[in-house]
Protein backbone atom coordinates (compact mmCIF):
# COMPACT_ATOMS: atom_id res chain seq x y z
CA MET A 1 0.24 2.00 -4.36
CA LYS A 2 -1.94 5.09 -4.32
CA LYS A 3 -0.18 8.29 -3.34
CA ILE A 4 -3.46 9.72 -2.09
CA LEU A 5 -3.08 7.79 1.12
CA LEU A 6 0.49 8.73 1.78
CA SER A 7 -0.01 12.41 2.54
CA ALA A 8 -1.68 11.47 5.82
CA ILE A 9 1.08 9.13 6.92
CA MET A 10 3.31 10.97 9.36
CA GLY A 11 5.20 10.33 12.57
CA ALA A 12 8.22 8.30 13.53
CA PHE A 13 8.56 4.83 14.95
CA ALA A 14 11.61 3.66 16.85
CA LEU A 15 12.58 0.08 16.13
CA SER A 16 13.12 -0.91 19.75
CA SER A 17 12.64 -4.66 19.63
CA MET A 18 12.05 -7.16 16.89
CA ALA A 19 9.22 -9.47 17.95
CA GLN A 20 5.95 -7.61 18.46
CA GLU A 21 3.08 -8.81 20.58
CA ALA A 22 -0.53 -8.24 19.60
CA PRO A 23 -1.64 -4.73 20.60
CA VAL A 24 -3.91 -4.06 23.53
CA ALA A 25 -7.28 -3.21 22.04
CA ASN A 26 -9.86 -0.74 23.24
CA ASP A 27 -11.16 -1.83 26.64
CA SER A 28 -13.64 1.00 27.12
CA THR A 29 -17.39 0.44 27.25
CA GLU A 30 -17.93 2.32 23.98
CA GLY A 31 -16.85 1.86 20.40
CA PHE A 32 -15.05 -1.28 19.27
CA GLN A 33 -13.61 -3.65 21.85
CA PHE A 34 -11.32 -6.32 20.43
CA THR A 35 -10.02 -9.49 22.00
CA THR A 36 -7.21 -11.39 20.30
CA VAL A 37 -8.12 -14.95 19.34
CA ASP A 38 -4.80 -15.98 17.75
CA SER A 39 -1.71 -14.03 16.81
CA ILE A 40 1.40 -15.07 14.88
CA ALA A 41 4.73 -13.41 15.65
CA ILE A 42 5.47 -10.27 13.67
CA THR A 43 8.30 -7.78 13.69
CA PRO A 44 7.69 -4.18 14.81
CA VAL A 45 5.51 -1.82 12.79
CA LYS A 46 7.56 0.50 10.60
CA ASN A 47 6.66 3.75 8.89
CA GLN A 48 6.81 4.08 5.11
CA ASN A 49 6.04 7.76 5.69
CA ARG A 50 5.90 9.70 2.43
CA SER A 51 6.85 6.91 0.07
CA GLY A 52 4.82 4.61 -2.14
CA THR A 53 6.62 1.53 -0.84
CA CYS A 54 3.96 -0.31 1.19
CA TRP A 55 4.46 -3.37 -1.05
CA SER A 56 8.07 -3.65 0.12
CA TYR A 57 7.33 -2.98 3.80
CA SER A 58 4.45 -5.46 3.95
CA THR A 59 6.24 -8.28 2.14
CA ILE A 60 9.53 -7.78 3.96
CA GLY A 61 7.49 -7.97 7.19
CA PHE A 62 5.92 -11.16 5.86
CA LEU A 63 9.38 -12.66 5.19
CA GLU A 64 10.57 -11.60 8.64
CA SER A 65 7.63 -13.51 10.15
CA GLU A 66 8.51 -16.47 7.95
CA LEU A 67 12.00 -16.48 9.44
CA ILE A 68 10.54 -16.50 12.95
CA ARG A 69 8.21 -19.35 11.99
CA MET A 70 11.13 -21.31 10.54
CA GLY A 71 13.09 -20.96 13.77
CA LYS A 72 15.64 -18.65 12.16
CA GLY A 73 15.25 -15.93 14.76
CA GLU A 74 14.34 -12.27 14.44
CA TRP A 75 15.65 -10.18 11.56
CA ASP A 76 15.34 -6.61 10.36
CA LEU A 77 15.65 -6.67 6.56
CA SER A 78 16.12 -3.70 4.23
CA GLU A 79 13.04 -2.56 2.34
CA MET A 80 14.99 -0.04 0.28
CA PHE A 81 17.38 -2.64 -1.15
CA VAL A 82 14.29 -4.19 -2.72
CA VAL A 83 12.91 -0.80 -3.81
CA HIS A 84 16.19 0.15 -5.50
CA HIS A 85 16.36 -3.03 -7.56
CA THR A 86 12.65 -3.02 -8.35
CA MET A 87 12.50 0.55 -9.61
CA LEU A 88 15.47 0.03 -11.93
CA ASP A 89 13.78 -3.07 -13.33
CA ARG A 90 10.50 -1.21 -13.70
CA ALA A 91 12.23 1.64 -15.52
CA GLU A 92 13.77 -0.81 -17.98
CA TYR A 93 10.35 -2.34 -18.58
CA VAL A 94 8.77 1.07 -19.22
CA VAL A 95 11.53 2.09 -21.62
CA ARG A 96 11.33 -1.22 -23.48
CA MET A 97 7.57 -0.67 -23.79
CA TYR A 98 8.21 2.75 -25.42
CA GLY A 99 6.75 4.54 -22.41
CA THR A 100 3.30 2.94 -22.75
CA ALA A 101 3.62 1.30 -19.31
CA GLN A 102 3.39 3.24 -16.06
CA PHE A 103 6.53 4.23 -14.19
CA ALA A 104 5.42 4.71 -10.59
CA PRO A 105 6.74 3.86 -7.12
CA GLY A 106 4.07 1.22 -6.45
CA GLY A 107 4.69 -2.49 -6.62
CA SER A 108 3.42 -5.88 -5.57
CA ALA A 109 4.38 -8.60 -3.11
CA TYR A 110 5.84 -10.53 -6.01
CA ASP A 111 8.42 -7.78 -6.57
CA VAL A 112 9.95 -8.69 -3.20
CA ILE A 113 9.94 -12.41 -4.00
CA TYR A 114 11.52 -11.68 -7.39
CA CYS A 115 14.23 -9.67 -5.65
CA LEU A 116 14.82 -12.47 -3.13
CA LYS A 117 15.31 -14.96 -5.96
CA ASN A 118 17.33 -12.82 -8.38
CA TYR A 119 19.20 -10.27 -6.25
CA GLY A 120 19.06 -11.51 -2.66
CA LEU A 121 18.42 -9.49 0.49
CA VAL A 122 20.44 -7.42 2.96
CA PRO A 123 19.98 -6.39 6.60
CA GLN A 124 18.48 -3.00 7.34
CA GLU A 125 21.66 -1.73 8.96
CA VAL A 126 23.62 -2.50 5.79
CA MET A 127 21.25 -0.42 3.62
CA PRO A 128 18.95 1.90 5.62
CA GLY A 129 17.98 3.59 2.34
CA ILE A 130 18.01 7.25 3.41
CA LYS A 131 20.83 9.41 2.07
CA TYR A 132 18.91 12.65 1.70
CA GLY A 133 18.05 13.67 5.27
CA SER A 134 19.22 17.11 6.32
CA THR A 135 19.83 15.98 9.92
CA PRO A 136 20.65 12.63 11.59
CA ALA A 137 17.09 12.62 12.92
CA ASP A 138 15.67 12.34 9.40
CA THR A 139 15.17 8.58 9.42
CA LEU A 140 11.82 8.23 7.67
CA PRO A 141 11.38 7.86 3.90
CA VAL A 142 10.39 10.96 1.93
CA HIS A 143 10.36 10.03 -1.74
CA THR A 144 8.62 13.03 -3.27
CA GLU A 145 11.79 14.42 -4.83
CA LEU A 146 13.25 11.00 -5.63
CA ASP A 147 10.12 9.94 -7.52
CA ALA A 148 10.06 13.19 -9.47
CA VAL A 149 13.74 13.02 -10.42
CA ALA A 150 13.64 9.34 -11.37
CA GLY A 151 10.44 9.87 -13.32
CA GLY A 152 12.06 12.76 -15.15
CA VAL A 153 14.97 10.59 -16.23
CA VAL A 154 12.66 7.86 -17.52
CA ASP A 155 10.51 10.41 -19.37
CA ALA A 156 13.60 11.95 -20.93
CA VAL A 157 14.84 8.58 -22.16
CA VAL A 158 11.46 7.63 -23.60
CA ASN A 159 10.89 11.01 -25.25
CA SER A 160 14.44 11.81 -26.32
CA GLY A 161 13.63 11.52 -30.03
CA LEU A 162 16.61 9.23 -30.59
CA LYS A 163 16.15 6.17 -32.74
CA LYS A 164 17.98 3.98 -30.27
CA LEU A 165 18.83 3.84 -26.59
CA THR A 166 22.19 5.09 -25.42
CA PRO A 167 24.34 2.56 -23.54
CA VAL A 168 24.42 4.72 -20.41
CA TRP A 169 20.82 5.74 -19.69
CA LYS A 170 20.41 3.13 -16.98
CA GLN A 171 23.67 4.21 -15.35
CA ALA A 172 22.17 7.69 -15.04
CA LEU A 173 19.03 6.33 -13.38
CA THR A 174 21.07 4.05 -11.11
CA ALA A 175 23.01 7.10 -9.96
CA VAL A 176 19.72 8.75 -8.95
CA TYR A 177 18.71 5.83 -6.76
CA ASP A 178 22.25 5.45 -5.42
CA THR A 179 22.21 9.11 -4.42
CA TYR A 180 18.90 9.00 -2.58
CA LEU A 181 18.82 5.43 -1.23
CA GLY A 182 22.46 4.40 -1.26
CA ALA A 183 24.05 1.93 -3.63
CA CYS A 184 23.04 -1.71 -3.37
CA PRO A 185 26.11 -3.42 -1.90
CA GLU A 186 27.90 -6.12 -3.89
CA THR A 187 29.44 -7.48 -0.68
CA PHE A 188 29.08 -6.57 2.98
CA THR A 189 30.16 -7.74 6.42
CA TYR A 190 27.44 -8.51 8.94
CA LYS A 191 28.12 -9.79 12.45
CA GLY A 192 31.67 -10.69 11.49
CA LYS A 193 30.81 -12.60 8.33
CA LYS A 194 31.18 -11.50 4.74
CA TYR A 195 28.22 -11.91 2.39
CA THR A 196 26.88 -11.01 -0.98
CA PRO A 197 23.14 -10.19 -1.02
CA LYS A 198 22.46 -13.59 -2.61
CA SER A 199 24.62 -15.54 -0.14
CA PHE A 200 22.92 -13.69 2.73
CA ALA A 201 19.50 -14.70 1.39
CA GLU A 202 20.70 -18.29 1.03
CA MET A 203 21.95 -18.22 4.63
CA LEU A 204 18.49 -17.12 5.78
CA GLY A 205 17.01 -20.20 4.14
CA LEU A 206 14.10 -18.50 2.37
CA ASN A 207 13.07 -20.25 -0.85
CA ALA A 208 11.34 -17.91 -3.30
CA ASP A 209 9.68 -20.86 -5.01
CA ASP A 210 7.72 -21.66 -1.84
CA TYR A 211 5.51 -18.58 -2.20
CA VAL A 212 2.47 -18.24 -4.43
CA SER A 213 -0.10 -15.53 -5.09
CA ILE A 214 -3.84 -16.16 -4.76
CA THR A 215 -6.70 -14.09 -6.17
CA SER A 216 -10.42 -14.50 -6.89
CA TYR A 217 -12.14 -13.06 -9.96
CA THR A 218 -14.57 -14.42 -12.53
CA HIS A 219 -13.14 -12.92 -15.72
CA HIS A 220 -10.65 -15.79 -15.79
CA PRO A 221 -11.40 -19.48 -15.14
CA TYR A 222 -11.03 -20.81 -11.62
CA TYR A 223 -8.11 -23.12 -10.87
CA THR A 224 -5.94 -21.51 -13.52
CA THR A 225 -3.33 -18.77 -13.27
CA PHE A 226 -3.41 -15.29 -14.75
CA ALA A 227 -1.65 -11.98 -14.32
CA LEU A 228 -4.00 -9.74 -12.35
CA GLU A 229 -4.61 -6.67 -14.49
CA VAL A 230 -3.58 -3.85 -12.18
CA PRO A 231 -0.80 -1.33 -12.86
CA ASP A 232 1.44 -2.41 -10.01
CA ASN A 233 1.52 -6.02 -11.19
CA TRP A 234 3.85 -4.88 -13.95
CA ARG A 235 5.97 -8.05 -13.64
CA MET A 236 2.85 -10.01 -14.64
CA ASP A 237 2.88 -12.25 -11.57
CA GLN A 238 0.81 -15.32 -12.38
CA MET A 239 -1.76 -15.69 -9.61
CA TYR A 240 -3.85 -18.75 -8.83
CA ASN A 241 -7.54 -17.97 -9.28
CA VAL A 242 -10.04 -19.53 -6.86
CA PRO A 243 -13.62 -18.79 -5.76
CA MET A 244 -13.97 -16.22 -2.97
CA GLU A 245 -14.88 -18.88 -0.41
CA GLU A 246 -11.70 -20.80 -1.16
CA MET A 247 -9.60 -17.63 -1.05
CA MET A 248 -10.94 -17.07 2.46
CA ALA A 249 -10.33 -20.72 3.34
CA ILE A 250 -6.69 -20.30 2.30
CA ILE A 251 -6.33 -17.24 4.52
CA ASP A 252 -7.94 -19.01 7.48
CA ASN A 253 -5.96 -22.21 7.02
CA ALA A 254 -2.70 -20.29 6.80
CA LEU A 255 -3.37 -18.47 10.06
CA ALA A 256 -4.48 -21.68 11.78
CA LYS A 257 -1.22 -23.37 10.76
CA GLY A 258 1.00 -20.49 11.92
CA TYR A 259 1.61 -18.75 8.57
CA THR A 260 1.08 -15.05 7.94
CA LEU A 261 0.12 -13.61 4.55
CA ALA A 262 1.10 -10.56 2.52
CA TRP A 263 -2.16 -8.80 1.63
CA GLY A 264 -2.82 -6.61 -1.40
CA ALA A 265 -6.05 -4.67 -0.91
CA ASP A 266 -8.20 -1.72 -1.84
CA VAL A 267 -8.37 0.71 1.09
CA SER A 268 -10.37 3.47 -0.56
CA GLU A 269 -13.61 2.61 1.28
CA ILE A 270 -14.69 5.34 3.69
CA CYS A 271 -14.74 2.75 6.47
CA PHE A 272 -11.10 1.81 6.12
CA THR A 273 -10.13 4.34 8.74
CA ARG A 274 -6.75 5.95 9.28
CA THR A 275 -6.72 4.80 12.90
CA GLY A 276 -7.10 1.02 12.73
CA LEU A 277 -10.40 -0.28 11.39
CA GLY A 278 -11.65 -1.81 8.13
CA VAL A 279 -15.38 -2.61 7.86
CA VAL A 280 -18.16 -2.59 5.25
CA PRO A 281 -21.30 -1.38 7.09
CA ASN A 282 -24.70 -1.79 5.48
CA GLU A 283 -25.59 1.89 5.23
CA GLU A 284 -29.32 1.29 4.90
CA GLU A 285 -29.42 -0.51 8.24
CA ALA A 286 -26.90 1.88 9.74
CA VAL A 287 -29.16 4.90 9.23
CA ASP A 288 -31.58 3.67 11.89
CA LEU A 289 -28.91 2.22 14.14
CA THR A 290 -26.92 5.46 14.22
CA GLY A 291 -30.00 7.49 15.05
CA SER A 292 -30.07 9.33 11.73
CA ASP A 293 -32.96 9.98 9.40
CA MET A 294 -32.38 9.46 5.69
CA ALA A 295 -32.51 13.15 4.79
CA ARG A 296 -29.84 13.98 7.35
CA TRP A 297 -27.77 10.97 6.32
CA LEU A 298 -27.71 11.92 2.65
CA GLY A 299 -26.47 15.37 3.60
CA LEU A 300 -23.46 14.14 5.55
CA SER A 301 -19.96 14.41 4.13
CA ALA A 302 -17.87 11.27 3.61
CA THR A 303 -15.85 12.17 6.70
CA ASP A 304 -18.98 12.53 8.83
CA LYS A 305 -20.40 9.28 7.47
CA ARG A 306 -17.16 7.50 8.33
CA GLU A 307 -17.39 8.81 11.87
CA GLU A 308 -20.99 7.64 12.22
CA LEU A 309 -20.30 4.22 10.71
CA THR A 310 -17.26 3.45 12.82
CA LYS A 311 -18.43 4.51 16.27
CA LYS A 312 -19.50 0.97 17.11
CA PRO A 313 -20.01 -2.42 15.40
CA LEU A 314 -22.84 -2.27 12.85
CA PRO A 315 -24.40 -4.84 10.51
CA GLU A 316 -22.25 -5.30 7.42
CA LYS A 317 -23.01 -6.04 3.81
CA THR A 318 -23.16 -9.65 2.69
CA ILE A 319 -20.37 -9.97 0.15
CA THR A 320 -20.71 -12.12 -2.96
CA GLN A 321 -18.40 -13.09 -5.78
CA GLU A 322 -20.50 -10.91 -8.08
CA MET A 323 -19.96 -7.87 -5.84
CA ARG A 324 -16.20 -8.42 -5.90
CA GLN A 325 -16.18 -8.65 -9.67
CA ALA A 326 -18.39 -5.61 -10.14
CA ALA A 327 -16.10 -3.56 -7.91
CA TYR A 328 -13.06 -4.69 -9.89
CA ASP A 329 -14.70 -4.11 -13.27
CA SER A 330 -15.82 -0.59 -12.31
CA TRP A 331 -12.35 0.32 -10.99
CA GLU A 332 -13.80 0.76 -7.53
CA ASN A 333 -11.42 -1.90 -6.25
CA THR A 334 -7.89 -0.90 -7.16
CA ASP A 335 -4.43 -1.96 -5.96
CA ASP A 336 -4.17 0.62 -3.22
CA HIS A 337 -2.09 -0.83 -0.44
CA GLY A 338 -0.01 -3.74 0.86
CA MET A 339 -0.19 -5.04 4.44
CA GLN A 340 0.41 -8.25 6.41
CA ILE A 341 -2.31 -10.49 7.89
CA PHE A 342 -1.11 -12.16 11.08
CA GLY A 343 -4.02 -13.11 13.34
CA THR A 344 -7.70 -12.95 14.26
CA ALA A 345 -9.73 -11.21 16.93
CA LYS A 346 -13.34 -10.80 18.06
CA ASP A 347 -15.26 -7.68 19.00
CA GLN A 348 -17.56 -7.33 22.00
CA ASN A 349 -20.35 -9.02 20.06
CA GLY A 350 -18.27 -12.05 19.08
CA LYS A 351 -17.82 -10.91 15.48
CA ARG A 352 -14.59 -12.06 13.80
CA TYR A 353 -11.87 -9.76 12.47
CA TYR A 354 -8.45 -10.19 10.92
CA MET A 355 -5.45 -8.54 12.53
CA VAL A 356 -3.35 -6.70 9.98
CA LYS A 357 0.07 -5.10 10.35
CA ASN A 358 0.27 -1.79 8.50
CA SER A 359 3.26 0.40 7.63
CA TRP A 360 1.89 3.79 8.61
CA GLY A 361 3.77 4.04 11.90
CA THR A 362 2.17 3.82 15.32
CA GLN A 363 1.48 7.35 16.49
CA LYS A 364 -1.86 7.98 14.77
CA SER A 365 -3.16 4.43 14.97
CA GLU A 366 -5.49 3.55 17.82
CA TYR A 367 -3.98 0.07 18.00
CA LYS A 368 -0.26 0.81 17.65
CA GLY A 369 -0.09 0.30 13.90
CA ILE A 370 -2.41 -2.71 13.77
CA TRP A 371 -5.71 -2.70 11.86
CA TYR A 372 -8.78 -4.80 12.66
CA VAL A 373 -10.40 -5.84 9.37
CA SER A 374 -13.79 -7.56 9.25
CA GLU A 375 -14.46 -10.74 7.30
CA ALA A 376 -16.74 -8.78 4.99
CA TYR A 377 -13.99 -6.27 4.22
CA MET A 378 -11.49 -9.06 3.59
CA GLN A 379 -13.92 -10.77 1.20
CA TYR A 380 -14.77 -7.58 -0.67
CA LYS A 381 -11.51 -5.69 -0.86
CA THR A 382 -8.80 -8.34 -1.17
CA ASN A 383 -7.03 -8.14 -4.51
CA ASP A 384 -4.56 -10.90 -3.75
CA VAL A 385 -2.59 -12.61 -1.01
CA LEU A 386 0.92 -14.03 -1.05
CA VAL A 387 1.30 -17.17 1.03
CA HIS A 388 3.57 -20.16 1.55
CA LYS A 389 2.24 -22.98 -0.61
CA ASP A 390 2.25 -25.35 2.40
CA ALA A 391 -0.39 -23.14 4.04
CA ILE A 392 -2.97 -23.89 1.32
CA PRO A 393 -5.54 -26.56 2.27
CA THR A 394 -4.70 -29.90 0.66
CA ALA A 395 -7.91 -30.15 -1.35
CA ILE A 396 -7.51 -26.66 -2.85
CA ARG A 397 -3.82 -27.19 -3.50
CA LYS A 398 -4.68 -30.36 -5.42
CA LYS A 399 -7.21 -28.47 -7.58
CA LEU A 400 -4.54 -25.88 -8.37
CA GLY A 401 -1.91 -28.50 -9.19
CA ILE A 402 0.60 -27.03 -6.72
CA LYS A 403 3.24 -29.56 -5.71
């Protein structure tokens, strides 16, 4: 996902316990005051730090919640095992496409499901994924150098001028990821038992075929599947296309039935804050309600506007299918970031929000790494969600032909 967001993500988070309760929201008399309505069990917020791996963190968190829901207990699974496999696969795709595809550290929720099905999973303690720290305290991902080195190898292979690939180019790239992240284990011992990554995944009981991706755009027919045309969907995940209202119904039904969702979204709006809020204020109404005149408002910087628009709940835009499509077609809505939806809350005015687990650590977030995202923002900025097929309402599932 977009590197532009990652430069602001700093600070460590100690993984002290697995199950995480909903955060205590602001109880002051000013600003936003949230009350949890329902909350599904999640594992602790982690910190992707300076790495473009939100897609792995969010979907691994989603699978960890699935294990809790299934009665399998609390697990801490390795994000970097998935990243290692995914980036090697992506490099092969780019090379086979003669370098016309993008080699970048972003990915999608489907990359994690693909890894689960084809490579398996491993516990975090088996593959922490940090081999490059200068001290034992360096426990957060910093992929700036890794991305540059890996990208250099791929560029060299694509632009070598040879008429054919050598038989060892992928070994060279594997060595890069082995050096920085550690080698993906072929076998390992965990809690006294020996596993392969695939046998470990089988022991967990997660079935990759249970998970489907949902999107909502008009440039493809509803109730069909298509590969959402964004760079990080390089595996061409076939997503089910439904109207916006039904996409929201799927999200709501999942939460009501105790399922979380992996959420792919655009977070470039000025009112997706770095401290825990995602809203889409109606700026025309907000000018009066924030005590500004139009001349002053037009002169404000984006940062100042964000501050004015997120001081308290304000009227939001009414989102339509046409607005979603226009934002996608104009490249306003891009595949910025992956997170996990796990509950709902209300503000002091009774307005509904979704509770979202982020992977930006806890130290700079007002709500301990949790974001409160309005219904309008969810309608407008959702690219796709990954969900267990049993969480889809029966009527919609029938339209989609999902068995």
